[in-house]
Structures are given as C-alpha cells and as structure tokens.
Amino acid sequence: GKFLYVSNRGTANQLLVFAIDPATGHLSELQRRAVEGDHPREFSLDPSGKFLLIANQKSNQIVVVERDAKTGLLGKTVQKLAMDAPSDLRFLLRQ
C-alpha cells in the first residue's frame, strides 16, 4: 500500500513508480525505468517483494529486476528469460 507501479507500453516502454501518501492518497512520482524490451504486457512482484518481473510481449522476454521494498525503487536487471510472447505472470506457492 505504499507504492504504485504502472506500465507505459508503446513508444515509452517504461515502468513508473509512485509513492502513495497514506494520509491523502496523493501520488508522487519516484522513478521511470526502461523495461529493456517492447510492450510490457504484464508485470508482477515476486512473493518476497524483492524482485519485479516484466513480461515484454513483443520482444519475447521476461525481465527480472531488483526492487527495494523500503523505497519502492527498481534496481538493476538480474535476469532475462526468453519466452514466446509472454502476457501473464503468476507465482505458485507450494506448501
């Protein structure tokens, strides 16, 4: 509930990070980060909150970036996975 992540696909191909003011709900832009691909169709935080995965549908890849849970900022790319036109990301939790 502290941060809002938004994809801007098309010519920009970015993720935007906003801080949410808990008292007013006002959004403050913190970061614009390239998705390192084309058409970020879907993105998702992993269950630990340490990584954000981006499904770049038109460039056929999933990009994994670091995320700072305290600041909400996205960091360096840690992995790129080839995948044919990814459009959905889900995590299965095993018990």
PDB file of N, CA and C in Angstrom:
ATOM      1  N   GLY A   1       0.786  -1.207   0.000  1.00  0.00           N
ATOM      2  CA  GLY A   1       0.000   0.000   0.000  1.00  0.00           C
ATOM      3  C   GLY A   1       0.827   1.270   0.000  1.00  0.00           C
ATOM      4  N   LYS A   2       2.153   1.169  -0.095  1.00  0.00           N
ATOM      5  CA  LYS A   2       2.996   2.368  -0.084  1.00  0.00           C
ATOM      6  C   LYS A   2       3.344   2.860  -1.477  1.00  0.00           C
ATOM      7  N   PHE A   3       3.321   1.948  -2.464  1.00  0.00           N
ATOM      8  CA  PHE A   3       3.791   2.290  -3.800  1.00  0.00           C
ATOM      9  C   PHE A   3       2.809   1.808  -4.862  1.00  0.00           C
ATOM     10  N   LEU A   4       2.814   2.525  -5.986  1.00  0.00           N
ATOM     11  CA  LEU A   4       2.007   2.157  -7.143  1.00  0.00           C
ATOM     12  C   LEU A   4       2.951   2.006  -8.322  1.00  0.00           C
ATOM     13  N   TYR A   5       2.826   0.889  -9.040  1.00  0.00           N
ATOM     14  CA  TYR A   5       3.635   0.618 -10.224  1.00  0.00           C
ATOM     15  C   TYR A   5       2.717   0.629 -11.437  1.00  0.00           C
ATOM     16  N   VAL A   6       3.154   1.310 -12.497  1.00  0.00           N
ATOM     17  CA  VAL A   6       2.344   1.465 -13.699  1.00  0.00           C
ATOM     18  C   VAL A   6       3.211   1.184 -14.914  1.00  0.00           C
ATOM     19  N   SER A   7       2.688   0.413 -15.866  1.00  0.00           N
ATOM     20  CA  SER A   7       3.432   0.202 -17.109  1.00  0.00           C
ATOM     21  C   SER A   7       2.957   1.204 -18.152  1.00  0.00           C
ATOM     22  N   ASN A   8       3.904   1.685 -18.931  1.00  0.00           N
ATOM     23  CA  ASN A   8       3.641   2.611 -20.021  1.00  0.00           C
ATOM     24  C   ASN A   8       4.178   1.944 -21.278  1.00  0.00           C
ATOM     25  N   ARG A   9       3.323   1.176 -21.935  1.00  0.00           N
ATOM     26  CA  ARG A   9       3.785   0.434 -23.101  1.00  0.00           C
ATOM     27  C   ARG A   9       3.474   1.216 -24.374  1.00  0.00           C
ATOM     28  N   GLY A  10       4.216   0.884 -25.396  1.00  0.00           N
ATOM     29  CA  GLY A  10       4.088   1.586 -26.668  1.00  0.00           C
ATOM     30  C   GLY A  10       5.434   2.177 -27.021  1.00  0.00           C
ATOM     31  N   THR A  11       5.484   3.484 -27.176  1.00  0.00           N
ATOM     32  CA  THR A  11       6.768   4.100 -27.528  1.00  0.00           C
ATOM     33  C   THR A  11       7.671   4.280 -26.319  1.00  0.00           C
ATOM     34  N   ALA A  12       7.114   4.471 -25.125  1.00  0.00           N
ATOM     35  CA  ALA A  12       7.933   4.703 -23.925  1.00  0.00           C
ATOM     36  C   ALA A  12       8.506   3.404 -23.368  1.00  0.00           C
ATOM     37  N   ASN A  13       7.687   2.354 -23.276  1.00  0.00           N
ATOM     38  CA  ASN A  13       8.116   1.070 -22.715  1.00  0.00           C
ATOM     39  C   ASN A  13       8.861   1.263 -21.397  1.00  0.00           C
ATOM     40  N   GLN A  14       8.137   1.785 -20.420  1.00  0.00           N
ATOM     41  CA  GLN A  14       8.699   2.077 -19.103  1.00  0.00           C
ATOM     42  C   GLN A  14       7.791   1.539 -18.005  1.00  0.00           C
ATOM     43  N   LEU A  15       8.383   1.414 -16.812  1.00  0.00           N
ATOM     44  CA  LEU A  15       7.604   1.249 -15.598  1.00  0.00           C
ATOM     45  C   LEU A  15       7.765   2.537 -14.812  1.00  0.00           C
ATOM     46  N   LEU A  16       6.677   3.036 -14.281  1.00  0.00           N
ATOM     47  CA  LEU A  16       6.706   4.219 -13.431  1.00  0.00           C
ATOM     48  C   LEU A  16       6.417   3.787 -12.010  1.00  0.00           C
ATOM     49  N   VAL A  17       7.128   4.385 -11.069  1.00  0.00           N
ATOM     50  CA  VAL A  17       6.950   4.081  -9.647  1.00  0.00           C
ATOM     51  C   VAL A  17       6.469   5.355  -8.963  1.00  0.00           C
ATOM     52  N   PHE A  18       5.371   5.236  -8.214  1.00  0.00           N
ATOM     53  CA  PHE A  18       4.818   6.347  -7.458  1.00  0.00           C
ATOM     54  C   PHE A  18       4.769   5.997  -5.976  1.00  0.00           C
ATOM     55  N   ALA A  19       5.025   6.969  -5.127  1.00  0.00           N
ATOM     56  CA  ALA A  19       4.798   6.821  -3.688  1.00  0.00           C
ATOM     57  C   ALA A  19       3.370   7.276  -3.415  1.00  0.00           C
ATOM     58  N   ILE A  20       2.694   6.583  -2.505  1.00  0.00           N
ATOM     59  CA  ILE A  20       1.324   6.927  -2.135  1.00  0.00           C
ATOM     60  C   ILE A  20       1.343   7.567  -0.754  1.00  0.00           C
ATOM     61  N   ASP A  21       0.854   8.794  -0.646  1.00  0.00           N
ATOM     62  CA  ASP A  21       0.758   9.458   0.655  1.00  0.00           C
ATOM     63  C   ASP A  21      -0.369   8.786   1.432  1.00  0.00           C
ATOM     64  N   PRO A  22      -0.068   8.172   2.599  1.00  0.00           N
ATOM     65  CA  PRO A  22      -1.101   7.433   3.333  1.00  0.00           C
ATOM     66  C   PRO A  22      -2.230   8.316   3.860  1.00  0.00           C
ATOM     67  N   ALA A  23      -1.966   9.585   4.093  1.00  0.00           N
ATOM     68  CA  ALA A  23      -2.992  10.475   4.639  1.00  0.00           C
ATOM     69  C   ALA A  23      -3.947  10.985   3.563  1.00  0.00           C
ATOM     70  N   THR A  24      -3.399  11.293   2.381  1.00  0.00           N
ATOM     71  CA  THR A  24      -4.217  11.924   1.344  1.00  0.00           C
ATOM     72  C   THR A  24      -4.450  11.067   0.117  1.00  0.00           C
ATOM     73  N   GLY A  25      -3.637  10.030  -0.066  1.00  0.00           N
ATOM     74  CA  GLY A  25      -3.716   9.223  -1.269  1.00  0.00           C
ATOM     75  C   GLY A  25      -3.011   9.867  -2.461  1.00  0.00           C
ATOM     76  N   HIS A  26      -2.396  11.035  -2.246  1.00  0.00           N
ATOM     77  CA  HIS A  26      -1.687  11.745  -3.313  1.00  0.00           C
ATOM     78  C   HIS A  26      -0.513  10.904  -3.809  1.00  0.00           C
ATOM     79  N   LEU A  27      -0.315  10.920  -5.126  1.00  0.00           N
ATOM     80  CA  LEU A  27       0.784  10.177  -5.736  1.00  0.00           C
ATOM     81  C   LEU A  27       1.943  11.108  -6.055  1.00  0.00           C
ATOM     82  N   SER A  28       3.153  10.656  -5.760  1.00  0.00           N
ATOM     83  CA  SER A  28       4.371  11.384  -6.106  1.00  0.00           C
ATOM     84  C   SER A  28       5.243  10.457  -6.947  1.00  0.00           C
ATOM     85  N   GLU A  29       5.626  10.926  -8.126  1.00  0.00           N
ATOM     86  CA  GLU A  29       6.464  10.093  -8.988  1.00  0.00           C
ATOM     87  C   GLU A  29       7.855   9.957  -8.396  1.00  0.00           C
ATOM     88  N   LEU A  30       8.317   8.710  -8.307  1.00  0.00           N
ATOM     89  CA  LEU A  30       9.651   8.418  -7.781  1.00  0.00           C
ATOM     90  C   LEU A  30      10.639   8.021  -8.865  1.00  0.00           C
ATOM     91  N   GLN A  31      10.151   7.309  -9.884  1.00  0.00           N
ATOM     92  CA  GLN A  31      11.088   6.721 -10.845  1.00  0.00           C
ATOM     93  C   GLN A  31      10.389   6.387 -12.148  1.00  0.00           C
ATOM     94  N   ARG A  32      11.158   6.497 -13.228  1.00  0.00           N
ATOM     95  CA  ARG A  32      10.785   5.962 -14.543  1.00  0.00           C
ATOM     96  C   ARG A  32      11.922   5.041 -14.941  1.00  0.00           C
ATOM     97  N   ARG A  33      11.581   3.807 -15.243  1.00  0.00           N
ATOM     98  CA  ARG A  33      12.617   2.826 -15.574  1.00  0.00           C
ATOM     99  C   ARG A  33      12.259   2.108 -16.862  1.00  0.00           C
ATOM    100  N   ALA A  34      13.223   2.026 -17.765  1.00  0.00           N
ATOM    101  CA  ALA A  34      13.022   1.279 -19.005  1.00  0.00           C
ATOM    102  C   ALA A  34      12.787  -0.193 -18.679  1.00  0.00           C
ATOM    103  N   VAL A  35      11.927  -0.834 -19.474  1.00  0.00           N
ATOM    104  CA  VAL A  35      11.634  -2.252 -19.261  1.00  0.00           C
ATOM    105  C   VAL A  35      12.602  -3.148 -20.023  1.00  0.00           C
ATOM    106  N   GLU A  36      13.486  -2.549 -20.792  1.00  0.00           N
ATOM    107  CA  GLU A  36      14.518  -3.274 -21.545  1.00  0.00           C
ATOM    108  C   GLU A  36      13.915  -4.239 -22.557  1.00  0.00           C
ATOM    109  N   GLY A  37      12.777  -3.843 -23.099  1.00  0.00           N
ATOM    110  CA  GLY A  37      12.102  -4.652 -24.098  1.00  0.00           C
ATOM    111  C   GLY A  37      10.974  -3.869 -24.719  1.00  0.00           C
ATOM    112  N   ASP A  38      10.078  -4.586 -25.373  1.00  0.00           N
ATOM    113  CA  ASP A  38       8.980  -3.957 -26.098  1.00  0.00           C
ATOM    114  C   ASP A  38       7.638  -4.485 -25.603  1.00  0.00           C
ATOM    115  N   HIS A  39       6.760  -3.556 -25.269  1.00  0.00           N
ATOM    116  CA  HIS A  39       5.368  -3.833 -24.899  1.00  0.00           C
ATOM    117  C   HIS A  39       5.250  -4.608 -23.569  1.00  0.00           C
ATOM    118  N   PRO A  40       5.522  -3.932 -22.444  1.00  0.00           N
ATOM    119  CA  PRO A  40       5.378  -4.593 -21.138  1.00  0.00           C
ATOM    120  C   PRO A  40       3.909  -4.916 -20.858  1.00  0.00           C
ATOM    121  N   ARG A  41       3.496  -6.093 -21.248  1.00  0.00           N
ATOM    122  CA  ARG A  41       2.087  -6.507 -21.170  1.00  0.00           C
ATOM    123  C   ARG A  41       1.637  -6.763 -19.736  1.00  0.00           C
ATOM    124  N   GLU A  42       2.534  -7.275 -18.932  1.00  0.00           N
ATOM    125  CA  GLU A  42       2.211  -7.642 -17.547  1.00  0.00           C
ATOM    126  C   GLU A  42       3.468  -7.463 -16.705  1.00  0.00           C
ATOM    127  N   PHE A  43       3.279  -7.163 -15.437  1.00  0.00           N
ATOM    128  CA  PHE A  43       4.399  -7.168 -14.502  1.00  0.00           C
ATOM    129  C   PHE A  43       3.871  -7.611 -13.153  1.00  0.00           C
ATOM    130  N   SER A  44       4.774  -8.144 -12.316  1.00  0.00           N
ATOM    131  CA  SER A  44       4.335  -8.676 -11.034  1.00  0.00           C
ATOM    132  C   SER A  44       5.496  -8.712 -10.052  1.00  0.00           C
ATOM    133  N   LEU A  45       5.180  -8.441  -8.797  1.00  0.00           N
ATOM    134  CA  LEU A  45       6.167  -8.605  -7.730  1.00  0.00           C
ATOM    135  C   LEU A  45       6.219 -10.068  -7.334  1.00  0.00           C
ATOM    136  N   ASP A  46       7.425 -10.557  -7.067  1.00  0.00           N
ATOM    137  CA  ASP A  46       7.523 -11.926  -6.577  1.00  0.00           C
ATOM    138  C   ASP A  46       7.019 -11.960  -5.135  1.00  0.00           C
ATOM    139  N   PRO A  47       6.697 -13.119  -4.586  1.00  0.00           N
ATOM    140  CA  PRO A  47       6.130 -13.199  -3.230  1.00  0.00           C
ATOM    141  C   PRO A  47       6.990 -12.567  -2.136  1.00  0.00           C
ATOM    142  N   SER A  48       8.302 -12.523  -2.328  1.00  0.00           N
ATOM    143  CA  SER A  48       9.177 -11.918  -1.314  1.00  0.00           C
ATOM    144  C   SER A  48       9.182 -10.394  -1.394  1.00  0.00           C
ATOM    145  N   GLY A  49       8.754  -9.835  -2.537  1.00  0.00           N
ATOM    146  CA  GLY A  49       8.782  -8.385  -2.738  1.00  0.00           C
ATOM    147  C   GLY A  49      10.151  -7.860  -3.126  1.00  0.00           C
ATOM    148  N   LYS A  50      11.121  -8.753  -3.311  1.00  0.00           N
ATOM    149  CA  LYS A  50      12.491  -8.336  -3.637  1.00  0.00           C
ATOM    150  C   LYS A  50      12.723  -8.161  -5.139  1.00  0.00           C
ATOM    151  N   PHE A  51      11.838  -8.730  -5.938  1.00  0.00           N
ATOM    152  CA  PHE A  51      12.020  -8.682  -7.387  1.00  0.00           C
ATOM    153  C   PHE A  51      10.710  -8.326  -8.075  1.00  0.00           C
ATOM    154  N   LEU A  52      10.832  -7.672  -9.235  1.00  0.00           N
ATOM    155  CA  LEU A  52       9.689  -7.383 -10.074  1.00  0.00           C
ATOM    156  C   LEU A  52       9.973  -8.012 -11.431  1.00  0.00           C
ATOM    157  N   LEU A  53       9.016  -8.772 -11.938  1.00  0.00           N
ATOM    158  CA  LEU A  53       9.155  -9.430 -13.224  1.00  0.00           C
ATOM    159  C   LEU A  53       8.314  -8.688 -14.246  1.00  0.00           C
ATOM    160  N   ILE A  54       8.873  -8.507 -15.435  1.00  0.00           N
ATOM    161  CA  ILE A  54       8.208  -7.773 -16.509  1.00  0.00           C
ATOM    162  C   ILE A  54       8.082  -8.697 -17.713  1.00  0.00           C
ATOM    163  N   ALA A  55       6.863  -8.893 -18.197  1.00  0.00           N
ATOM    164  CA  ALA A  55       6.616  -9.707 -19.383  1.00  0.00           C
ATOM    165  C   ALA A  55       6.554  -8.781 -20.598  1.00  0.00           C
ATOM    166  N   ASN A  56       7.640  -8.724 -21.345  1.00  0.00           N
ATOM    167  CA  ASN A  56       7.708  -7.898 -22.557  1.00  0.00           C
ATOM    168  C   ASN A  56       7.206  -8.729 -23.733  1.00  0.00           C
ATOM    169  N   GLN A  57       5.929  -8.522 -24.070  1.00  0.00           N
ATOM    170  CA  GLN A  57       5.240  -9.392 -25.013  1.00  0.00           C
ATOM    171  C   GLN A  57       5.839  -9.359 -26.426  1.00  0.00           C
ATOM    172  N   LYS A  58       6.131  -8.178 -26.935  1.00  0.00           N
ATOM    173  CA  LYS A  58       6.586  -8.089 -28.333  1.00  0.00           C
ATOM    174  C   LYS A  58       8.080  -8.356 -28.508  1.00  0.00           C
ATOM    175  N   SER A  59       8.850  -8.340 -27.427  1.00  0.00           N
ATOM    176  CA  SER A  59      10.274  -8.677 -27.548  1.00  0.00           C
ATOM    177  C   SER A  59      10.566 -10.074 -26.988  1.00  0.00           C
ATOM    178  N   ASN A  60       9.501 -10.819 -26.650  1.00  0.00           N
ATOM    179  CA  ASN A  60       9.628 -12.239 -26.283  1.00  0.00           C
ATOM    180  C   ASN A  60      10.584 -12.491 -25.126  1.00  0.00           C
ATOM    181  N   GLN A  61      10.342 -11.785 -24.021  1.00  0.00           N
ATOM    182  CA  GLN A  61      11.223 -11.981 -22.871  1.00  0.00           C
ATOM    183  C   GLN A  61      10.536 -11.594 -21.563  1.00  0.00           C
ATOM    184  N   ILE A  62      11.036 -12.197 -20.509  1.00  0.00           N
ATOM    185  CA  ILE A  62      10.673 -11.787 -19.153  1.00  0.00           C
ATOM    186  C   ILE A  62      11.936 -11.220 -18.528  1.00  0.00           C
ATOM    187  N   VAL A  63      11.832 -10.011 -18.007  1.00  0.00           N
ATOM    188  CA  VAL A  63      12.966  -9.326 -17.391  1.00  0.00           C
ATOM    189  C   VAL A  63      12.732  -9.294 -15.883  1.00  0.00           C
ATOM    190  N   VAL A  64      13.745  -9.703 -15.117  1.00  0.00           N
ATOM    191  CA  VAL A  64      13.671  -9.714 -13.655  1.00  0.00           C
ATOM    192  C   VAL A  64      14.565  -8.600 -13.128  1.00  0.00           C
ATOM    193  N   VAL A  65      13.981  -7.685 -12.354  1.00  0.00           N
ATOM    194  CA  VAL A  65      14.750  -6.571 -11.793  1.00  0.00           C
ATOM    195  C   VAL A  65      14.654  -6.585 -10.270  1.00  0.00           C
ATOM    196  N   GLU A  66      15.686  -6.064  -9.636  1.00  0.00           N
ATOM    197  CA  GLU A  66      15.670  -5.933  -8.174  1.00  0.00           C
ATOM    198  C   GLU A  66      14.695  -4.839  -7.765  1.00  0.00           C
ATOM    199  N   ARG A  67      14.135  -4.973  -6.560  1.00  0.00           N
ATOM    200  CA  ARG A  67      13.231  -3.969  -6.008  1.00  0.00           C
ATOM    201  C   ARG A  67      13.594  -3.737  -4.549  1.00  0.00           C
ATOM    202  N   ASP A  68      13.694  -2.478  -4.170  1.00  0.00           N
ATOM    203  CA  ASP A  68      13.946  -2.114  -2.786  1.00  0.00           C
ATOM    204  C   ASP A  68      12.593  -1.942  -2.095  1.00  0.00           C
ATOM    205  N   ALA A  69      12.261  -2.837  -1.191  1.00  0.00           N
ATOM    206  CA  ALA A  69      10.948  -2.815  -0.537  1.00  0.00           C
ATOM    207  C   ALA A  69      10.733  -1.565   0.312  1.00  0.00           C
ATOM    208  N   LYS A  70      11.794  -0.983   0.820  1.00  0.00           N
ATOM    209  CA  LYS A  70      11.652   0.214   1.663  1.00  0.00           C
ATOM    210  C   LYS A  70      11.407   1.478   0.857  1.00  0.00           C
ATOM    211  N   THR A  71      12.107   1.620  -0.276  1.00  0.00           N
ATOM    212  CA  THR A  71      11.975   2.828  -1.088  1.00  0.00           C
ATOM    213  C   THR A  71      11.027   2.648  -2.265  1.00  0.00           C
ATOM    214  N   GLY A  72      10.749   1.391  -2.633  1.00  0.00           N
ATOM    215  CA  GLY A  72       9.915   1.105  -3.791  1.00  0.00           C
ATOM    216  C   GLY A  72      10.651   1.172  -5.120  1.00  0.00           C
ATOM    217  N   LEU A  73      11.896   1.619  -5.098  1.00  0.00           N
ATOM    218  CA  LEU A  73      12.639   1.817  -6.334  1.00  0.00           C
ATOM    219  C   LEU A  73      13.078   0.497  -6.957  1.00  0.00           C
ATOM    220  N   LEU A  74      13.131   0.512  -8.289  1.00  0.00           N
ATOM    221  CA  LEU A  74      13.570  -0.642  -9.046  1.00  0.00           C
ATOM    222  C   LEU A  74      15.048  -0.488  -9.361  1.00  0.00           C
ATOM    223  N   GLY A  75      15.784  -1.578  -9.230  1.00  0.00           N
ATOM    224  CA  GLY A  75      17.228  -1.544  -9.421  1.00  0.00           C
ATOM    225  C   GLY A  75      17.671  -2.225 -10.697  1.00  0.00           C
ATOM    226  N   LYS A  76      18.806  -2.891 -10.583  1.00  0.00           N
ATOM    227  CA  LYS A  76      19.427  -3.498 -11.759  1.00  0.00           C
ATOM    228  C   LYS A  76      18.675  -4.740 -12.222  1.00  0.00           C
ATOM    229  N   THR A  77      18.890  -5.050 -13.469  1.00  0.00           N
ATOM    230  CA  THR A  77      18.351  -6.271 -14.057  1.00  0.00           C
ATOM    231  C   THR A  77      19.203  -7.437 -13.595  1.00  0.00           C
ATOM    232  N   VAL A  78      18.558  -8.480 -13.087  1.00  0.00           N
ATOM    233  CA  VAL A  78      19.300  -9.649 -12.610  1.00  0.00           C
ATOM    234  C   VAL A  78      19.175 -10.845 -13.548  1.00  0.00           C
ATOM    235  N   GLN A  79      18.157 -10.838 -14.426  1.00  0.00           N
ATOM    236  CA  GLN A  79      17.995 -11.961 -15.331  1.00  0.00           C
ATOM    237  C   GLN A  79      17.032 -11.587 -16.451  1.00  0.00           C
ATOM    238  N   LYS A  80      17.279 -12.160 -17.630  1.00  0.00           N
ATOM    239  CA  LYS A  80      16.354 -12.055 -18.761  1.00  0.00           C
ATOM    240  C   LYS A  80      16.079 -13.478 -19.241  1.00  0.00           C
ATOM    241  N   LEU A  81      14.800 -13.783 -19.407  1.00  0.00           N
ATOM    242  CA  LEU A  81      14.393 -15.123 -19.827  1.00  0.00           C
ATOM    243  C   LEU A  81      13.670 -15.041 -21.165  1.00  0.00           C
ATOM    244  N   ALA A  82      14.109 -15.824 -22.130  1.00  0.00           N
ATOM    245  CA  ALA A  82      13.422 -15.880 -23.416  1.00  0.00           C
ATOM    246  C   ALA A  82      12.097 -16.614 -23.240  1.00  0.00           C
ATOM    247  N   MET A  83      11.033 -16.040 -23.796  1.00  0.00           N
ATOM    248  CA  MET A  83       9.696 -16.619 -23.673  1.00  0.00           C
ATOM    249  C   MET A  83       8.874 -16.077 -24.834  1.00  0.00           C
ATOM    250  N   ASP A  84       8.190 -16.935 -25.541  1.00  0.00           N
ATOM    251  CA  ASP A  84       7.410 -16.512 -26.696  1.00  0.00           C
ATOM    252  C   ASP A  84       6.183 -15.711 -26.267  1.00  0.00           C
ATOM    253  N   ALA A  85       6.169 -14.424 -26.559  1.00  0.00           N
ATOM    254  CA  ALA A  85       5.041 -13.510 -26.326  1.00  0.00           C
ATOM    255  C   ALA A  85       4.410 -13.638 -24.939  1.00  0.00           C
ATOM    256  N   PRO A  86       5.176 -13.451 -23.863  1.00  0.00           N
ATOM    257  CA  PRO A  86       4.587 -13.586 -22.524  1.00  0.00           C
ATOM    258  C   PRO A  86       3.534 -12.509 -22.272  1.00  0.00           C
ATOM    259  N   SER A  87       2.432 -12.913 -21.640  1.00  0.00           N
ATOM    260  CA  SER A  87       1.357 -11.957 -21.374  1.00  0.00           C
ATOM    261  C   SER A  87       0.753 -12.104 -19.987  1.00  0.00           C
ATOM    262  N   ASP A  88       1.247 -13.039 -19.188  1.00  0.00           N
ATOM    263  CA  ASP A  88       0.682 -13.257 -17.861  1.00  0.00           C
ATOM    264  C   ASP A  88       1.788 -13.802 -16.954  1.00  0.00           C
ATOM    265  N   LEU A  89       1.806 -13.322 -15.724  1.00  0.00           N
ATOM    266  CA  LEU A  89       2.790 -13.793 -14.739  1.00  0.00           C
ATOM    267  C   LEU A  89       2.056 -14.236 -13.486  1.00  0.00           C
ATOM    268  N   ARG A  90       2.361 -15.438 -13.026  1.00  0.00           N
ATOM    269  CA  ARG A  90       1.731 -15.957 -11.808  1.00  0.00           C
ATOM    270  C   ARG A  90       2.780 -16.705 -10.994  1.00  0.00           C
ATOM    271  N   PHE A  91       2.631 -16.635  -9.685  1.00  0.00           N
ATOM    272  CA  PHE A  91       3.510 -17.369  -8.790  1.00  0.00           C
ATOM    273  C   PHE A  91       2.698 -18.445  -8.084  1.00  0.00           C
ATOM    274  N   LEU A  92       3.195 -19.648  -8.116  1.00  0.00           N
ATOM    275  CA  LEU A  92       2.548 -20.754  -7.426  1.00  0.00           C
ATOM    276  C   LEU A  92       3.292 -20.974  -6.118  1.00  0.00           C
ATOM    277  N   LEU A  93       2.598 -20.868  -5.022  1.00  0.00           N
ATOM    278  CA  LEU A  93       3.197 -21.070  -3.708  1.00  0.00           C
ATOM    279  C   LEU A  93       2.959 -22.511  -3.275  1.00  0.00           C
ATOM    280  N   ARG A  94       4.025 -23.193  -2.977  1.00  0.00           N
ATOM    281  CA  ARG A  94       3.923 -24.594  -2.549  1.00  0.00           C
ATOM    282  C   ARG A  94       3.988 -24.677  -1.035  1.00  0.00           C
ATOM    283  N   GLN A  95       3.225 -25.598  -0.506  1.00  0.00           N
ATOM    284  CA  GLN A  95       3.212 -25.753   0.941  1.00  0.00           C
ATOM    285  C   GLN A  95       3.762 -27.092   1.336  1.00  0.00           C
TER     286      GLN A  95
END
